Amino acid sequence: MRFQGLLIKESLKDKGVLDAIHIIKVETWEANDPAIWTAIYFDGDADQADSVAEKLSQALYPGWYCNIATGRDSFVVFSAKVFKYPRGDERGRSKAQEYGRLSGLPEDQLEWGEDYPLAELLGD
């Protein structure tokens, strides 16, 4: 089983963490601040998802997050905080969203879908 993830390069205070992940796709998105975001899609063995999530949590700036998903679990990774919950678990998702709100994230950035980032990676 594999995990898949998505992060924004500009969210990283320690870009050295990119050496620890297997990047499968990179694209740029128009945004507001900064003006361009670099989306990095990555994957790996599911048994490494917890370790990768922890590494990313230490590399992110406060106020940013990234997503990782396995076939079984969803991870929402914030600076120094990782939420892991079974896919489809609304309670776990709500806790991650509430933490994001308290961290100052805009509401529209807290509406990741159940298959996110899997749907993005698979083109669904």
Protein backbone atom coordinates (compact mmCIF):
# COMPACT_ATOMS: atom_id res chain seq x y z
CA MET A 1 0.00 0.00 0.00
CA ARG A 2 1.16 3.56 -0.77
CA PHE A 3 0.58 7.02 0.60
CA GLN A 4 0.16 10.12 -1.52
CA GLY A 5 0.52 13.74 -0.50
CA LEU A 6 0.42 17.32 -1.59
CA LEU A 7 2.27 20.31 -0.20
CA ILE A 8 3.05 23.85 -1.24
CA LYS A 9 6.79 24.46 -1.53
CA GLU A 10 6.41 28.03 -0.25
CA SER A 11 5.00 26.62 3.01
CA LEU A 12 8.36 25.10 3.91
CA LYS A 13 10.79 26.85 6.21
CA ASP A 14 13.15 23.88 5.74
CA LYS A 15 13.21 22.90 2.08
CA GLY A 16 15.74 20.18 2.91
CA VAL A 17 12.76 17.99 3.79
CA LEU A 18 12.14 17.66 0.04
CA ASP A 19 15.13 15.30 -0.04
CA ALA A 20 13.16 12.93 2.23
CA ILE A 21 10.14 12.57 -0.06
CA HIS A 22 9.56 11.00 -3.47
CA ILE A 23 8.25 13.80 -5.69
CA ILE A 24 5.98 12.60 -8.48
CA LYS A 25 4.64 15.86 -9.91
CA VAL A 26 5.25 19.61 -9.62
CA GLU A 27 3.01 22.38 -10.89
CA THR A 28 2.50 26.07 -10.21
CA TRP A 29 -0.73 27.74 -9.15
CA GLU A 30 -1.64 31.41 -9.24
CA ALA A 31 -2.32 32.65 -5.70
CA ASN A 32 -2.34 35.87 -3.71
CA ASP A 33 0.44 35.65 -1.14
CA PRO A 34 2.89 34.66 -2.45
CA ALA A 35 1.73 35.32 -6.02
CA ILE A 36 2.68 31.83 -7.24
CA TRP A 37 2.48 28.60 -5.27
CA THR A 38 4.51 25.55 -6.25
CA ALA A 39 2.39 22.43 -5.67
CA ILE A 40 4.46 19.33 -4.96
CA TYR A 41 2.76 15.94 -5.22
CA PHE A 42 4.59 13.08 -3.54
CA ASP A 43 4.15 9.45 -2.60
CA GLY A 44 5.78 6.59 -0.73
CA ASP A 45 5.22 3.34 1.11
CA ALA A 46 2.24 3.60 3.49
CA ASP A 47 4.31 2.30 6.39
CA GLN A 48 6.43 5.47 6.07
CA ALA A 49 3.48 7.91 6.12
CA ASP A 50 3.73 8.63 9.87
CA SER A 51 7.45 9.35 9.62
CA VAL A 52 7.06 11.60 6.58
CA ALA A 53 4.19 13.47 8.26
CA GLU A 54 6.36 14.11 11.32
CA LYS A 55 9.27 15.36 9.19
CA LEU A 56 6.96 17.69 7.28
CA SER A 57 5.43 19.02 10.51
CA GLN A 58 8.89 20.14 11.59
CA ALA A 59 9.57 21.76 8.19
CA LEU A 60 6.36 23.81 7.74
CA TYR A 61 5.93 27.45 8.61
CA PRO A 62 3.16 28.14 11.14
CA GLY A 63 -0.16 28.86 9.43
CA TRP A 64 0.38 26.33 6.63
CA TYR A 65 -0.52 22.67 6.26
CA CYS A 66 -0.21 19.76 3.86
CA ASN A 67 -2.16 16.57 3.25
CA ILE A 68 -1.15 12.93 3.12
CA ALA A 69 -3.50 9.99 2.52
CA THR A 70 -3.25 6.24 2.48
CA GLY A 71 -6.06 3.93 1.46
CA ARG A 72 -7.03 3.82 5.14
CA ASP A 73 -5.93 7.08 6.81
CA SER A 74 -5.93 10.82 6.22
CA PHE A 75 -3.20 13.06 7.61
CA VAL A 76 -3.40 16.82 7.93
CA VAL A 77 0.06 18.11 8.79
CA PHE A 78 0.53 21.52 10.40
CA SER A 79 3.67 23.09 11.81
CA ALA A 80 4.53 20.93 14.87
CA LYS A 81 1.12 19.16 14.79
CA VAL A 82 -0.13 16.11 12.88
CA PHE A 83 -3.74 14.98 12.70
CA LYS A 84 -4.24 11.37 11.62
CA TYR A 85 -7.70 9.87 11.34
CA PRO A 86 -9.43 7.11 9.41
CA ARG A 87 -10.63 8.25 5.98
CA GLY A 88 -14.26 9.26 6.23
CA ASP A 89 -14.05 10.04 9.96
CA GLU A 90 -15.86 13.39 10.21
CA ARG A 91 -14.82 13.87 13.85
CA GLY A 92 -11.12 13.58 13.00
CA ARG A 93 -11.55 15.85 10.00
CA SER A 94 -13.42 18.43 12.10
CA LYS A 95 -10.64 18.48 14.70
CA ALA A 96 -8.06 19.19 11.99
CA GLN A 97 -10.26 21.90 10.49
CA GLU A 98 -10.80 23.55 13.87
CA TYR A 99 -7.05 23.58 14.50
CA GLY A 100 -6.62 25.21 11.09
CA ARG A 101 -9.19 27.89 11.96
CA LEU A 102 -7.41 28.60 15.24
CA SER A 103 -4.16 28.85 13.27
CA GLY A 104 -5.68 31.57 11.08
CA LEU A 105 -6.27 29.61 7.89
CA PRO A 106 -9.02 30.95 5.61
CA GLU A 107 -12.18 28.87 5.59
CA ASP A 108 -11.88 28.03 1.89
CA GLN A 109 -8.53 26.35 2.59
CA LEU A 110 -10.16 24.04 5.13
CA GLU A 111 -12.51 22.34 2.69
CA TRP A 112 -10.35 19.48 1.47
CA GLY A 113 -12.40 16.61 0.07
CA GLU A 114 -12.33 13.07 1.40
CA ASP A 115 -10.20 11.90 -1.51
CA TYR A 116 -7.84 14.87 -1.33
CA PRO A 117 -5.01 14.61 -2.33
CA LEU A 118 -5.73 11.22 -3.90
CA ALA A 119 -8.27 12.61 -6.37
CA GLU A 120 -5.80 15.29 -7.46
CA LEU A 121 -3.06 12.75 -8.03
CA LEU A 122 -5.28 10.29 -9.83
CA GLY A 123 -6.95 12.94 -11.98
CA ASP A 124 -10.45 12.31 -10.59
